[in-house]
Amino acid sequence: MKAFFEAIQSLFVDFLFKPLDWLRALELDNWWLANSISWILMAICGYYMVYWIKQLRIFDEAGTENQDTTAHSFLK
């Protein structure tokens, strides 16, 4: 059983976390490049938030959204 957990440890430490170790070492040289993944993910989330708000506005202006407080059975 011990070998099973050591295999899981080896999988994560030796293989799956290597890109994160590389980013940690890169931060000492270039902060902007090391945090580029964070900036890309923030840009993607920002884009989809704007898209979602635009879609909400379209349904609100069309009047198709049911805003009755009893629209869901658990709100009775």
PDB file of N, CA and C in Angstrom:
ATOM      1  N   MET A   1       0.823  -1.192   0.000  1.00  0.00           N
ATOM      2  CA  MET A   1       0.000   0.000   0.000  1.00  0.00           C
ATOM      3  C   MET A   1       0.870   1.261   0.000  1.00  0.00           C
ATOM      4  N   LYS A   2       2.015   1.156   0.676  1.00  0.00           N
ATOM      5  CA  LYS A   2       2.920   2.297   0.725  1.00  0.00           C
ATOM      6  C   LYS A   2       3.430   2.647  -0.676  1.00  0.00           C
ATOM      7  N   ALA A   3       3.686   1.633  -1.479  1.00  0.00           N
ATOM      8  CA  ALA A   3       4.184   1.858  -2.839  1.00  0.00           C
ATOM      9  C   ALA A   3       3.146   2.591  -3.697  1.00  0.00           C
ATOM     10  N   PHE A   4       1.865   2.312  -3.448  1.00  0.00           N
ATOM     11  CA  PHE A   4       0.797   2.986  -4.193  1.00  0.00           C
ATOM     12  C   PHE A   4       0.828   4.492  -3.944  1.00  0.00           C
ATOM     13  N   PHE A   5       0.932   4.892  -2.677  1.00  0.00           N
ATOM     14  CA  PHE A   5       0.960   6.317  -2.349  1.00  0.00           C
ATOM     15  C   PHE A   5       2.268   6.977  -2.794  1.00  0.00           C
ATOM     16  N   GLU A   6       3.354   6.241  -2.778  1.00  0.00           N
ATOM     17  CA  GLU A   6       4.605   6.782  -3.295  1.00  0.00           C
ATOM     18  C   GLU A   6       4.541   6.966  -4.808  1.00  0.00           C
ATOM     19  N   ALA A   7       3.801   6.107  -5.485  1.00  0.00           N
ATOM     20  CA  ALA A   7       3.617   6.262  -6.931  1.00  0.00           C
ATOM     21  C   ALA A   7       2.788   7.510  -7.233  1.00  0.00           C
ATOM     22  N   ILE A   8       1.764   7.756  -6.432  1.00  0.00           N
ATOM     23  CA  ILE A   8       0.969   8.979  -6.605  1.00  0.00           C
ATOM     24  C   ILE A   8       1.842  10.203  -6.354  1.00  0.00           C
ATOM     25  N   GLN A   9       2.662  10.151  -5.307  1.00  0.00           N
ATOM     26  CA  GLN A   9       3.568  11.258  -5.004  1.00  0.00           C
ATOM     27  C   GLN A   9       4.531  11.492  -6.162  1.00  0.00           C
ATOM     28  N   SER A  10       5.088  10.437  -6.684  1.00  0.00           N
ATOM     29  CA  SER A  10       6.026  10.551  -7.793  1.00  0.00           C
ATOM     30  C   SER A  10       5.344  11.139  -9.026  1.00  0.00           C
ATOM     31  N   LEU A  11       4.123  10.710  -9.299  1.00  0.00           N
ATOM     32  CA  LEU A  11       3.388  11.236 -10.447  1.00  0.00           C
ATOM     33  C   LEU A  11       3.233  12.748 -10.354  1.00  0.00           C
ATOM     34  N   PHE A  12       2.792  13.231  -9.189  1.00  0.00           N
ATOM     35  CA  PHE A  12       2.556  14.654  -9.052  1.00  0.00           C
ATOM     36  C   PHE A  12       3.846  15.455  -8.957  1.00  0.00           C
ATOM     37  N   VAL A  13       4.765  15.031  -8.118  1.00  0.00           N
ATOM     38  CA  VAL A  13       5.983  15.805  -7.884  1.00  0.00           C
ATOM     39  C   VAL A  13       6.918  15.768  -9.085  1.00  0.00           C
ATOM     40  N   ASP A  14       7.088  14.597  -9.678  1.00  0.00           N
ATOM     41  CA  ASP A  14       8.072  14.452 -10.751  1.00  0.00           C
ATOM     42  C   ASP A  14       7.543  14.793 -12.135  1.00  0.00           C
ATOM     43  N   PHE A  15       6.213  14.779 -12.323  1.00  0.00           N
ATOM     44  CA  PHE A  15       5.678  15.002 -13.668  1.00  0.00           C
ATOM     45  C   PHE A  15       4.682  16.162 -13.742  1.00  0.00           C
ATOM     46  N   LEU A  16       3.627  16.092 -12.971  1.00  0.00           N
ATOM     47  CA  LEU A  16       2.528  17.048 -13.142  1.00  0.00           C
ATOM     48  C   LEU A  16       2.847  18.457 -12.624  1.00  0.00           C
ATOM     49  N   PHE A  17       3.714  18.569 -11.631  1.00  0.00           N
ATOM     50  CA  PHE A  17       4.056  19.885 -11.080  1.00  0.00           C
ATOM     51  C   PHE A  17       5.308  20.495 -11.696  1.00  0.00           C
ATOM     52  N   LYS A  18       5.928  19.838 -12.665  1.00  0.00           N
ATOM     53  CA  LYS A  18       7.140  20.383 -13.302  1.00  0.00           C
ATOM     54  C   LYS A  18       6.892  21.742 -13.963  1.00  0.00           C
ATOM     55  N   PRO A  19       5.773  21.938 -14.678  1.00  0.00           N
ATOM     56  CA  PRO A  19       5.551  23.282 -15.242  1.00  0.00           C
ATOM     57  C   PRO A  19       5.446  24.366 -14.175  1.00  0.00           C
ATOM     58  N   LEU A  20       4.883  24.031 -13.030  1.00  0.00           N
ATOM     59  CA  LEU A  20       4.779  25.022 -11.955  1.00  0.00           C
ATOM     60  C   LEU A  20       6.145  25.320 -11.351  1.00  0.00           C
ATOM     61  N   ASP A  21       6.995  24.314 -11.254  1.00  0.00           N
ATOM     62  CA  ASP A  21       8.369  24.548 -10.785  1.00  0.00           C
ATOM     63  C   ASP A  21       9.117  25.451 -11.762  1.00  0.00           C
ATOM     64  N   TRP A  22       8.888  25.240 -13.053  1.00  0.00           N
ATOM     65  CA  TRP A  22       9.522  26.080 -14.066  1.00  0.00           C
ATOM     66  C   TRP A  22       9.048  27.533 -13.934  1.00  0.00           C
ATOM     67  N   LEU A  23       7.747  27.735 -13.714  1.00  0.00           N
ATOM     68  CA  LEU A  23       7.237  29.101 -13.539  1.00  0.00           C
ATOM     69  C   LEU A  23       7.791  29.753 -12.284  1.00  0.00           C
ATOM     70  N   ARG A  24       7.940  28.980 -11.210  1.00  0.00           N
ATOM     71  CA  ARG A  24       8.493  29.527  -9.972  1.00  0.00           C
ATOM     72  C   ARG A  24       9.939  29.980 -10.174  1.00  0.00           C
ATOM     73  N   ALA A  25      10.715  29.204 -10.908  1.00  0.00           N
ATOM     74  CA  ALA A  25      12.101  29.584 -11.187  1.00  0.00           C
ATOM     75  C   ALA A  25      12.158  30.768 -12.152  1.00  0.00           C
ATOM     76  N   LEU A  26      11.203  30.833 -13.067  1.00  0.00           N
ATOM     77  CA  LEU A  26      11.172  31.923 -14.044  1.00  0.00           C
ATOM     78  C   LEU A  26      10.845  33.259 -13.391  1.00  0.00           C
ATOM     79  N   GLU A  27      10.099  33.219 -12.291  1.00  0.00           N
ATOM     80  CA  GLU A  27       9.715  34.471 -11.633  1.00  0.00           C
ATOM     81  C   GLU A  27      10.927  35.256 -11.153  1.00  0.00           C
ATOM     82  N   LEU A  28      11.987  34.580 -10.812  1.00  0.00           N
ATOM     83  CA  LEU A  28      13.197  35.269 -10.356  1.00  0.00           C
ATOM     84  C   LEU A  28      13.844  36.060 -11.482  1.00  0.00           C
ATOM     85  N   ASP A  29      13.632  35.632 -12.721  1.00  0.00           N
ATOM     86  CA  ASP A  29      14.218  36.318 -13.864  1.00  0.00           C
ATOM     87  C   ASP A  29      13.280  37.355 -14.471  1.00  0.00           C
ATOM     88  N   ASN A  30      12.025  36.983 -14.663  1.00  0.00           N
ATOM     89  CA  ASN A  30      11.086  37.873 -15.349  1.00  0.00           C
ATOM     90  C   ASN A  30       9.696  37.694 -14.756  1.00  0.00           C
ATOM     91  N   TRP A  31       9.248  38.672 -13.961  1.00  0.00           N
ATOM     92  CA  TRP A  31       7.956  38.589 -13.297  1.00  0.00           C
ATOM     93  C   TRP A  31       6.818  38.590 -14.302  1.00  0.00           C
ATOM     94  N   TRP A  32       6.905  39.407 -15.343  1.00  0.00           N
ATOM     95  CA  TRP A  32       5.822  39.524 -16.319  1.00  0.00           C
ATOM     96  C   TRP A  32       5.606  38.217 -17.070  1.00  0.00           C
ATOM     97  N   LEU A  33       6.672  37.570 -17.463  1.00  0.00           N
ATOM     98  CA  LEU A  33       6.546  36.312 -18.194  1.00  0.00           C
ATOM     99  C   LEU A  33       6.009  35.207 -17.294  1.00  0.00           C
ATOM    100  N   ALA A  34       6.431  35.190 -16.043  1.00  0.00           N
ATOM    101  CA  ALA A  34       5.971  34.166 -15.110  1.00  0.00           C
ATOM    102  C   ALA A  34       4.483  34.308 -14.811  1.00  0.00           C
ATOM    103  N   ASN A  35       3.966  35.516 -14.840  1.00  0.00           N
ATOM    104  CA  ASN A  35       2.556  35.738 -14.538  1.00  0.00           C
ATOM    105  C   ASN A  35       1.697  35.874 -15.789  1.00  0.00           C
ATOM    106  N   SER A  36       2.257  35.548 -16.930  1.00  0.00           N
ATOM    107  CA  SER A  36       1.501  35.668 -18.178  1.00  0.00           C
ATOM    108  C   SER A  36       0.281  34.744 -18.195  1.00  0.00           C
ATOM    109  N   ILE A  37       0.385  33.568 -17.599  1.00  0.00           N
ATOM    110  CA  ILE A  37      -0.764  32.659 -17.549  1.00  0.00           C
ATOM    111  C   ILE A  37      -1.905  33.292 -16.763  1.00  0.00           C
ATOM    112  N   SER A  38      -1.584  33.944 -15.672  1.00  0.00           N
ATOM    113  CA  SER A  38      -2.621  34.608 -14.879  1.00  0.00           C
ATOM    114  C   SER A  38      -3.281  35.722 -15.674  1.00  0.00           C
ATOM    115  N   TRP A  39      -2.481  36.497 -16.402  1.00  0.00           N
ATOM    116  CA  TRP A  39      -3.044  37.583 -17.200  1.00  0.00           C
ATOM    117  C   TRP A  39      -3.930  37.046 -18.316  1.00  0.00           C
ATOM    118  N   ILE A  40      -3.515  35.961 -18.948  1.00  0.00           N
ATOM    119  CA  ILE A  40      -4.318  35.366 -20.024  1.00  0.00           C
ATOM    120  C   ILE A  40      -5.645  34.850 -19.475  1.00  0.00           C
ATOM    121  N   LEU A  41      -5.604  34.164 -18.341  1.00  0.00           N
ATOM    122  CA  LEU A  41      -6.842  33.665 -17.748  1.00  0.00           C
ATOM    123  C   LEU A  41      -7.766  34.803 -17.307  1.00  0.00           C
ATOM    124  N   MET A  42      -7.195  35.887 -16.783  1.00  0.00           N
ATOM    125  CA  MET A  42      -8.026  37.040 -16.405  1.00  0.00           C
ATOM    126  C   MET A  42      -8.665  37.674 -17.631  1.00  0.00           C
ATOM    127  N   ALA A  43      -7.948  37.737 -18.746  1.00  0.00           N
ATOM    128  CA  ALA A  43      -8.511  38.298 -19.976  1.00  0.00           C
ATOM    129  C   ALA A  43      -9.635  37.417 -20.512  1.00  0.00           C
ATOM    130  N   ILE A  44      -9.457  36.110 -20.459  1.00  0.00           N
ATOM    131  CA  ILE A  44     -10.510  35.198 -20.918  1.00  0.00           C
ATOM    132  C   ILE A  44     -11.754  35.339 -20.044  1.00  0.00           C
ATOM    133  N   CYS A  45     -11.568  35.367 -18.741  1.00  0.00           N
ATOM    134  CA  CYS A  45     -12.716  35.527 -17.833  1.00  0.00           C
ATOM    135  C   CYS A  45     -13.402  36.868 -18.042  1.00  0.00           C
ATOM    136  N   GLY A  46     -12.634  37.924 -18.256  1.00  0.00           N
ATOM    137  CA  GLY A  46     -13.223  39.243 -18.511  1.00  0.00           C
ATOM    138  C   GLY A  46     -14.039  39.256 -19.786  1.00  0.00           C
ATOM    139  N   TYR A  47     -13.539  38.610 -20.833  1.00  0.00           N
ATOM    140  CA  TYR A  47     -14.270  38.548 -22.090  1.00  0.00           C
ATOM    141  C   TYR A  47     -15.608  37.838 -21.910  1.00  0.00           C
ATOM    142  N   TYR A  48     -15.591  36.698 -21.248  1.00  0.00           N
ATOM    143  CA  TYR A  48     -16.827  35.938 -21.086  1.00  0.00           C
ATOM    144  C   TYR A  48     -17.787  36.602 -20.102  1.00  0.00           C
ATOM    145  N   MET A  49     -17.282  37.379 -19.158  1.00  0.00           N
ATOM    146  CA  MET A  49     -18.185  38.142 -18.293  1.00  0.00           C
ATOM    147  C   MET A  49     -18.920  39.206 -19.088  1.00  0.00           C
ATOM    148  N   VAL A  50     -18.217  39.903 -19.964  1.00  0.00           N
ATOM    149  CA  VAL A  50     -18.849  40.905 -20.823  1.00  0.00           C
ATOM    150  C   VAL A  50     -19.861  40.235 -21.748  1.00  0.00           C
ATOM    151  N   TYR A  51     -19.524  39.080 -22.314  1.00  0.00           N
ATOM    152  CA  TYR A  51     -20.444  38.335 -23.176  1.00  0.00           C
ATOM    153  C   TYR A  51     -21.704  37.945 -22.411  1.00  0.00           C
ATOM    154  N   TRP A  52     -21.533  37.453 -21.180  1.00  0.00           N
ATOM    155  CA  TRP A  52     -22.663  37.034 -20.362  1.00  0.00           C
ATOM    156  C   TRP A  52     -23.572  38.215 -20.043  1.00  0.00           C
ATOM    157  N   ILE A  53     -22.993  39.349 -19.701  1.00  0.00           N
ATOM    158  CA  ILE A  53     -23.791  40.538 -19.383  1.00  0.00           C
ATOM    159  C   ILE A  53     -24.548  41.016 -20.615  1.00  0.00           C
ATOM    160  N   LYS A  54     -23.924  40.946 -21.787  1.00  0.00           N
ATOM    161  CA  LYS A  54     -24.623  41.327 -23.022  1.00  0.00           C
ATOM    162  C   LYS A  54     -25.805  40.399 -23.282  1.00  0.00           C
ATOM    163  N   GLN A  55     -25.629  39.102 -23.054  1.00  0.00           N
ATOM    164  CA  GLN A  55     -26.727  38.162 -23.245  1.00  0.00           C
ATOM    165  C   GLN A  55     -27.851  38.420 -22.250  1.00  0.00           C
ATOM    166  N   LEU A  56     -27.519  38.727 -21.010  1.00  0.00           N
ATOM    167  CA  LEU A  56     -28.545  39.062 -20.020  1.00  0.00           C
ATOM    168  C   LEU A  56     -29.322  40.303 -20.442  1.00  0.00           C
ATOM    169  N   ARG A  57     -28.631  41.281 -20.985  1.00  0.00           N
ATOM    170  CA  ARG A  57     -29.286  42.511 -21.438  1.00  0.00           C
ATOM    171  C   ARG A  57     -30.228  42.233 -22.613  1.00  0.00           C
ATOM    172  N   ILE A  58     -29.824  41.342 -23.527  1.00  0.00           N
ATOM    173  CA  ILE A  58     -30.678  40.988 -24.670  1.00  0.00           C
ATOM    174  C   ILE A  58     -31.978  40.361 -24.178  1.00  0.00           C
ATOM    175  N   PHE A  59     -31.901  39.414 -23.251  1.00  0.00           N
ATOM    176  CA  PHE A  59     -33.110  38.766 -22.750  1.00  0.00           C
ATOM    177  C   PHE A  59     -33.946  39.724 -21.907  1.00  0.00           C
ATOM    178  N   ASP A  60     -33.303  40.629 -21.199  1.00  0.00           N
ATOM    179  CA  ASP A  60     -34.043  41.597 -20.388  1.00  0.00           C
ATOM    180  C   ASP A  60     -34.816  42.562 -21.277  1.00  0.00           C
ATOM    181  N   GLU A  61     -34.195  43.034 -22.355  1.00  0.00           N
ATOM    182  CA  GLU A  61     -34.873  43.963 -23.263  1.00  0.00           C
ATOM    183  C   GLU A  61     -35.987  43.280 -24.055  1.00  0.00           C
ATOM    184  N   ALA A  62     -35.838  41.975 -24.340  1.00  0.00           N
ATOM    185  CA  ALA A  62     -36.873  41.249 -25.074  1.00  0.00           C
ATOM    186  C   ALA A  62     -38.064  40.912 -24.184  1.00  0.00           C
ATOM    187  N   GLY A  63     -37.883  40.973 -22.879  1.00  0.00           N
ATOM    188  CA  GLY A  63     -38.968  40.691 -21.948  1.00  0.00           C
ATOM    189  C   GLY A  63     -39.264  39.215 -21.796  1.00  0.00           C
ATOM    190  N   THR A  64     -38.341  38.360 -22.177  1.00  0.00           N
ATOM    191  CA  THR A  64     -38.580  36.922 -22.094  1.00  0.00           C
ATOM    192  C   THR A  64     -38.142  36.327 -20.760  1.00  0.00           C
ATOM    193  N   GLU A  65     -37.507  37.108 -19.921  1.00  0.00           N
ATOM    194  CA  GLU A  65     -37.035  36.587 -18.642  1.00  0.00           C
ATOM    195  C   GLU A  65     -38.161  36.625 -17.620  1.00  0.00           C
ATOM    196  N   ASN A  66     -38.368  35.520 -16.927  1.00  0.00           N
ATOM    197  CA  ASN A  66     -39.385  35.439 -15.893  1.00  0.00           C
ATOM    198  C   ASN A  66     -38.787  35.920 -14.581  1.00  0.00           C
ATOM    199  N   GLN A  67     -39.194  37.117 -14.126  1.00  0.00           N
ATOM    200  CA  GLN A  67     -38.630  37.694 -12.913  1.00  0.00           C
ATOM    201  C   GLN A  67     -39.566  37.552 -11.724  1.00  0.00           C
ATOM    202  N   ASP A  68     -40.571  36.688 -11.839  1.00  0.00           N
ATOM    203  CA  ASP A  68     -41.486  36.433 -10.744  1.00  0.00           C
ATOM    204  C   ASP A  68     -40.740  35.690  -9.641  1.00  0.00           C
ATOM    205  N   THR A  69     -40.947  36.085  -8.390  1.00  0.00           N
ATOM    206  CA  THR A  69     -40.215  35.454  -7.284  1.00  0.00           C
ATOM    207  C   THR A  69     -40.673  34.021  -7.040  1.00  0.00           C
ATOM    208  N   THR A  70     -41.820  33.641  -7.590  1.00  0.00           N
ATOM    209  CA  THR A  70     -42.274  32.246  -7.435  1.00  0.00           C
ATOM    210  C   THR A  70     -41.961  31.436  -8.679  1.00  0.00           C
ATOM    211  N   ALA A  71     -41.013  31.859  -9.467  1.00  0.00           N
ATOM    212  CA  ALA A  71     -40.640  31.138 -10.686  1.00  0.00           C
ATOM    213  C   ALA A  71     -40.039  29.782 -10.345  1.00  0.00           C
ATOM    214  N   HIS A  72     -39.444  29.666  -9.167  1.00  0.00           N
ATOM    215  CA  HIS A  72     -38.859  28.407  -8.744  1.00  0.00           C
ATOM    216  C   HIS A  72     -39.654  27.856  -7.567  1.00  0.00           C
ATOM    217  N   SER A  73     -39.802  26.573  -7.541  1.00  0.00           N
ATOM    218  CA  SER A  73     -40.648  25.961  -6.510  1.00  0.00           C
ATOM    219  C   SER A  73     -40.079  26.161  -5.117  1.00  0.00           C
ATOM    220  N   PHE A  74     -38.770  26.297  -4.979  1.00  0.00           N
ATOM    221  CA  PHE A  74     -38.190  26.449  -3.651  1.00  0.00           C
ATOM    222  C   PHE A  74     -38.304  27.883  -3.126  1.00  0.00           C
ATOM    223  N   LEU A  75     -38.827  28.815  -3.903  1.00  0.00           N
ATOM    224  CA  LEU A  75     -38.980  30.211  -3.450  1.00  0.00           C
ATOM    225  C   LEU A  75     -40.408  30.533  -3.037  1.00  0.00           C
ATOM    226  N   LYS A  76     -41.270  29.553  -2.913  1.00  0.00           N
ATOM    227  CA  LYS A  76     -42.674  29.801  -2.546  1.00  0.00           C
ATOM    228  C   LYS A  76     -42.811  30.294  -1.147  1.00  0.00           C
TER     229      LYS A  76
END
